Amino acid sequence: MNTLIAVLVGVLFGAGIYLMLSRTPVRLIIGLVFLSNAINLLIFDAAGLTRGIPPIIASGAEKLARSHADPLPQALILTAIVISFGVLAFALVLFNRTFKTLPARDLSDLKATDT
C-alpha cells in the first residue's frame, strides 16, 4: 500500500509541475491542485498509515494505547487543505480579473499597458 501511494505522489508531483510550467492559466491552476494533493498525500504517507484506535485516552488510563493514529499529520493535512483552498481561490480570482482586464490566452502574452 505504501508503494502505491508513493507512486501516486510521484505521479501527482510530476503532473503538477508539468502543468504549472505550461503557459495557459487553466493548466497552471490544475497543476496547483495536483501539487497540493500530492503534498497532502506525502504528509499522510510519511506519518504512516495506521488502522488503530483513535488518539483518545481511555478513562482510567494514563497514556494512549499502543496502536493509535497520530493526530499531528491529520491536523497538518487539514491545515494544508484549508491553505490550498485559499490559494486556489485567490489564483482563480486573480486570473479572472487579469484576463478581464488584459484579454490573452497565453501567460507570455500579458503585457502591461499604460493607463
C-alpha atoms as a PDB file:
ATOM      1  CA  MET A   1       0.000   0.000   0.000  1.00  0.00           C
ATOM      2  CA  ASN A   2       2.834   2.420   0.808  1.00  0.00           C
ATOM      3  CA  THR A   3       4.459   1.728  -2.567  1.00  0.00           C
ATOM      4  CA  LEU A   4       1.210   2.509  -4.366  1.00  0.00           C
ATOM      5  CA  ILE A   5       0.817   5.788  -2.507  1.00  0.00           C
ATOM      6  CA  ALA A   6       4.477   6.668  -3.157  1.00  0.00           C
ATOM      7  CA  VAL A   7       3.970   6.105  -6.888  1.00  0.00           C
ATOM      8  CA  LEU A   8       0.760   8.145  -6.788  1.00  0.00           C
ATOM      9  CA  VAL A   9       2.565  11.001  -5.002  1.00  0.00           C
ATOM     10  CA  GLY A  10       5.320  10.926  -7.634  1.00  0.00           C
ATOM     11  CA  VAL A  11       2.824  10.976 -10.494  1.00  0.00           C
ATOM     12  CA  LEU A  12       0.881  13.856  -8.912  1.00  0.00           C
ATOM     13  CA  PHE A  13       4.078  15.841  -8.288  1.00  0.00           C
ATOM     14  CA  GLY A  14       5.258  15.252 -11.859  1.00  0.00           C
ATOM     15  CA  ALA A  15       1.906  16.116 -13.403  1.00  0.00           C
ATOM     16  CA  GLY A  16       1.529  19.169 -11.165  1.00  0.00           C
ATOM     17  CA  ILE A  17       4.969  20.556 -12.021  1.00  0.00           C
ATOM     18  CA  TYR A  18       4.466  19.809 -15.719  1.00  0.00           C
ATOM     19  CA  LEU A  19       1.111  21.589 -15.768  1.00  0.00           C
ATOM     20  CA  MET A  20       2.422  24.543 -13.760  1.00  0.00           C
ATOM     21  CA  LEU A  21       5.213  25.048 -16.300  1.00  0.00           C
ATOM     22  CA  SER A  22       2.753  25.387 -19.181  1.00  0.00           C
ATOM     23  CA  ARG A  23       1.662  28.803 -20.366  1.00  0.00           C
ATOM     24  CA  THR A  24      -2.088  28.524 -20.070  1.00  0.00           C
ATOM     25  CA  PRO A  25      -3.720  29.643 -16.828  1.00  0.00           C
ATOM     26  CA  VAL A  26      -6.167  26.728 -16.683  1.00  0.00           C
ATOM     27  CA  ARG A  27      -3.294  24.244 -16.720  1.00  0.00           C
ATOM     28  CA  LEU A  28      -1.464  26.302 -14.096  1.00  0.00           C
ATOM     29  CA  ILE A  29      -4.460  26.139 -11.760  1.00  0.00           C
ATOM     30  CA  ILE A  30      -4.952  22.397 -12.327  1.00  0.00           C
ATOM     31  CA  GLY A  31      -1.230  21.883 -11.670  1.00  0.00           C
ATOM     32  CA  LEU A  32      -1.594  23.818  -8.423  1.00  0.00           C
ATOM     33  CA  VAL A  33      -4.406  21.476  -7.366  1.00  0.00           C
ATOM     34  CA  PHE A  34      -2.344  18.391  -8.262  1.00  0.00           C
ATOM     35  CA  LEU A  35       0.646  19.708  -6.347  1.00  0.00           C
ATOM     36  CA  SER A  36      -1.361  20.468  -3.211  1.00  0.00           C
ATOM     37  CA  ASN A  37      -2.958  16.996  -3.300  1.00  0.00           C
ATOM     38  CA  ALA A  38       0.467  15.400  -3.743  1.00  0.00           C
ATOM     39  CA  ILE A  39       1.791  17.253  -0.705  1.00  0.00           C
ATOM     40  CA  ASN A  40      -1.193  16.140   1.376  1.00  0.00           C
ATOM     41  CA  LEU A  41      -0.668  12.506   0.351  1.00  0.00           C
ATOM     42  CA  LEU A  42       3.047  12.799   1.081  1.00  0.00           C
ATOM     43  CA  ILE A  43       2.382  14.031   4.616  1.00  0.00           C
ATOM     44  CA  PHE A  44      -0.202  11.287   5.100  1.00  0.00           C
ATOM     45  CA  ASP A  45       2.158   8.583   3.859  1.00  0.00           C
ATOM     46  CA  ALA A  46       5.171   9.865   5.811  1.00  0.00           C
ATOM     47  CA  ALA A  47       3.164   9.717   9.031  1.00  0.00           C
ATOM     48  CA  GLY A  48       2.372   6.059   8.498  1.00  0.00           C
ATOM     49  CA  LEU A  49      -0.950   4.532   7.693  1.00  0.00           C
ATOM     50  CA  THR A  50      -2.416   3.029  10.835  1.00  0.00           C
ATOM     51  CA  ARG A  51      -5.771   1.470  11.376  1.00  0.00           C
ATOM     52  CA  GLY A  52      -5.821   1.531  15.121  1.00  0.00           C
ATOM     53  CA  ILE A  53      -7.960   3.095  17.745  1.00  0.00           C
ATOM     54  CA  PRO A  54      -8.415   6.875  17.660  1.00  0.00           C
ATOM     55  CA  PRO A  55      -5.931   9.053  19.557  1.00  0.00           C
ATOM     56  CA  ILE A  56      -8.119   9.403  22.656  1.00  0.00           C
ATOM     57  CA  ILE A  57      -7.000   8.393  26.133  1.00  0.00           C
ATOM     58  CA  ALA A  58      -9.494   5.985  27.623  1.00  0.00           C
ATOM     59  CA  SER A  59     -10.958   6.762  31.034  1.00  0.00           C
ATOM     60  CA  GLY A  60      -8.767   5.396  33.798  1.00  0.00           C
ATOM     61  CA  ALA A  61      -5.693   5.090  31.540  1.00  0.00           C
ATOM     62  CA  GLU A  62      -2.636   7.297  31.863  1.00  0.00           C
ATOM     63  CA  LYS A  63      -1.412   7.132  28.277  1.00  0.00           C
ATOM     64  CA  LEU A  64      -2.560   6.214  24.794  1.00  0.00           C
ATOM     65  CA  ALA A  65      -2.893   2.647  23.676  1.00  0.00           C
ATOM     66  CA  ARG A  66      -0.009   1.194  21.707  1.00  0.00           C
ATOM     67  CA  SER A  67      -1.665   1.278  18.279  1.00  0.00           C
ATOM     68  CA  HIS A  68      -3.194   4.681  17.784  1.00  0.00           C
ATOM     69  CA  ALA A  69      -3.479   7.144  14.958  1.00  0.00           C
ATOM     70  CA  ASP A  70      -1.112  10.097  15.159  1.00  0.00           C
ATOM     71  CA  PRO A  71      -3.203  13.293  15.307  1.00  0.00           C
ATOM     72  CA  LEU A  72      -0.408  15.674  14.203  1.00  0.00           C
ATOM     73  CA  PRO A  73      -0.313  14.658  10.499  1.00  0.00           C
ATOM     74  CA  GLN A  74      -4.094  14.777  10.392  1.00  0.00           C
ATOM     75  CA  ALA A  75      -4.022  18.330  11.746  1.00  0.00           C
ATOM     76  CA  LEU A  76      -1.283  19.301   9.274  1.00  0.00           C
ATOM     77  CA  ILE A  77      -3.242  17.891   6.346  1.00  0.00           C
ATOM     78  CA  LEU A  78      -6.403  19.662   7.462  1.00  0.00           C
ATOM     79  CA  THR A  79      -4.472  22.929   7.675  1.00  0.00           C
ATOM     80  CA  ALA A  80      -2.877  22.299   4.269  1.00  0.00           C
ATOM     81  CA  ILE A  81      -6.293  21.672   2.725  1.00  0.00           C
ATOM     82  CA  VAL A  82      -7.596  24.990   4.036  1.00  0.00           C
ATOM     83  CA  ILE A  83      -4.499  26.882   2.896  1.00  0.00           C
ATOM     84  CA  SER A  84      -4.512  25.283  -0.564  1.00  0.00           C
ATOM     85  CA  PHE A  85      -8.208  26.116  -0.943  1.00  0.00           C
ATOM     86  CA  GLY A  86      -7.438  29.749  -0.095  1.00  0.00           C
ATOM     87  CA  VAL A  87      -4.523  29.873  -2.546  1.00  0.00           C
ATOM     88  CA  LEU A  88      -6.655  28.271  -5.251  1.00  0.00           C
ATOM     89  CA  ALA A  89      -9.495  30.755  -4.668  1.00  0.00           C
ATOM     90  CA  PHE A  90      -7.018  33.651  -4.810  1.00  0.00           C
ATOM     91  CA  ALA A  91      -5.459  32.304  -8.031  1.00  0.00           C
ATOM     92  CA  LEU A  92      -8.880  31.918  -9.658  1.00  0.00           C
ATOM     93  CA  VAL A  93      -9.888  35.468  -8.752  1.00  0.00           C
ATOM     94  CA  LEU A  94      -6.511  36.828  -9.844  1.00  0.00           C
ATOM     95  CA  PHE A  95      -6.649  35.116 -13.227  1.00  0.00           C
ATOM     96  CA  ASN A  96     -10.283  36.075 -13.715  1.00  0.00           C
ATOM     97  CA  ARG A  97      -9.529  39.739 -13.053  1.00  0.00           C
ATOM     98  CA  THR A  98      -6.341  39.679 -15.122  1.00  0.00           C
ATOM     99  CA  PHE A  99      -7.975  38.192 -18.180  1.00  0.00           C
ATOM    100  CA  LYS A 100     -10.966  40.518 -17.979  1.00  0.00           C
ATOM    101  CA  THR A 101      -8.575  43.465 -17.966  1.00  0.00           C
ATOM    102  CA  LEU A 102      -5.998  42.097 -20.415  1.00  0.00           C
ATOM    103  CA  PRO A 103      -7.598  39.516 -22.731  1.00  0.00           C
ATOM    104  CA  ALA A 104      -4.901  36.970 -23.535  1.00  0.00           C
ATOM    105  CA  ARG A 105      -4.880  33.200 -23.798  1.00  0.00           C
ATOM    106  CA  ASP A 106      -1.209  32.763 -23.009  1.00  0.00           C
ATOM    107  CA  LEU A 107       0.655  33.961 -19.930  1.00  0.00           C
ATOM    108  CA  SER A 108       3.553  35.204 -22.065  1.00  0.00           C
ATOM    109  CA  ASP A 109       1.125  37.475 -23.981  1.00  0.00           C
ATOM    110  CA  LEU A 110       0.321  39.513 -20.871  1.00  0.00           C
ATOM    111  CA  LYS A 111       1.896  42.931 -21.214  1.00  0.00           C
ATOM    112  CA  ALA A 112       1.424  45.939 -19.016  1.00  0.00           C
ATOM    113  CA  THR A 113      -0.356  48.814 -20.724  1.00  0.00           C
ATOM    114  CA  ASP A 114      -0.055  52.454 -19.816  1.00  0.00           C
ATOM    115  CA  THR A 115      -3.274  53.693 -18.259  1.00  0.00           C
END
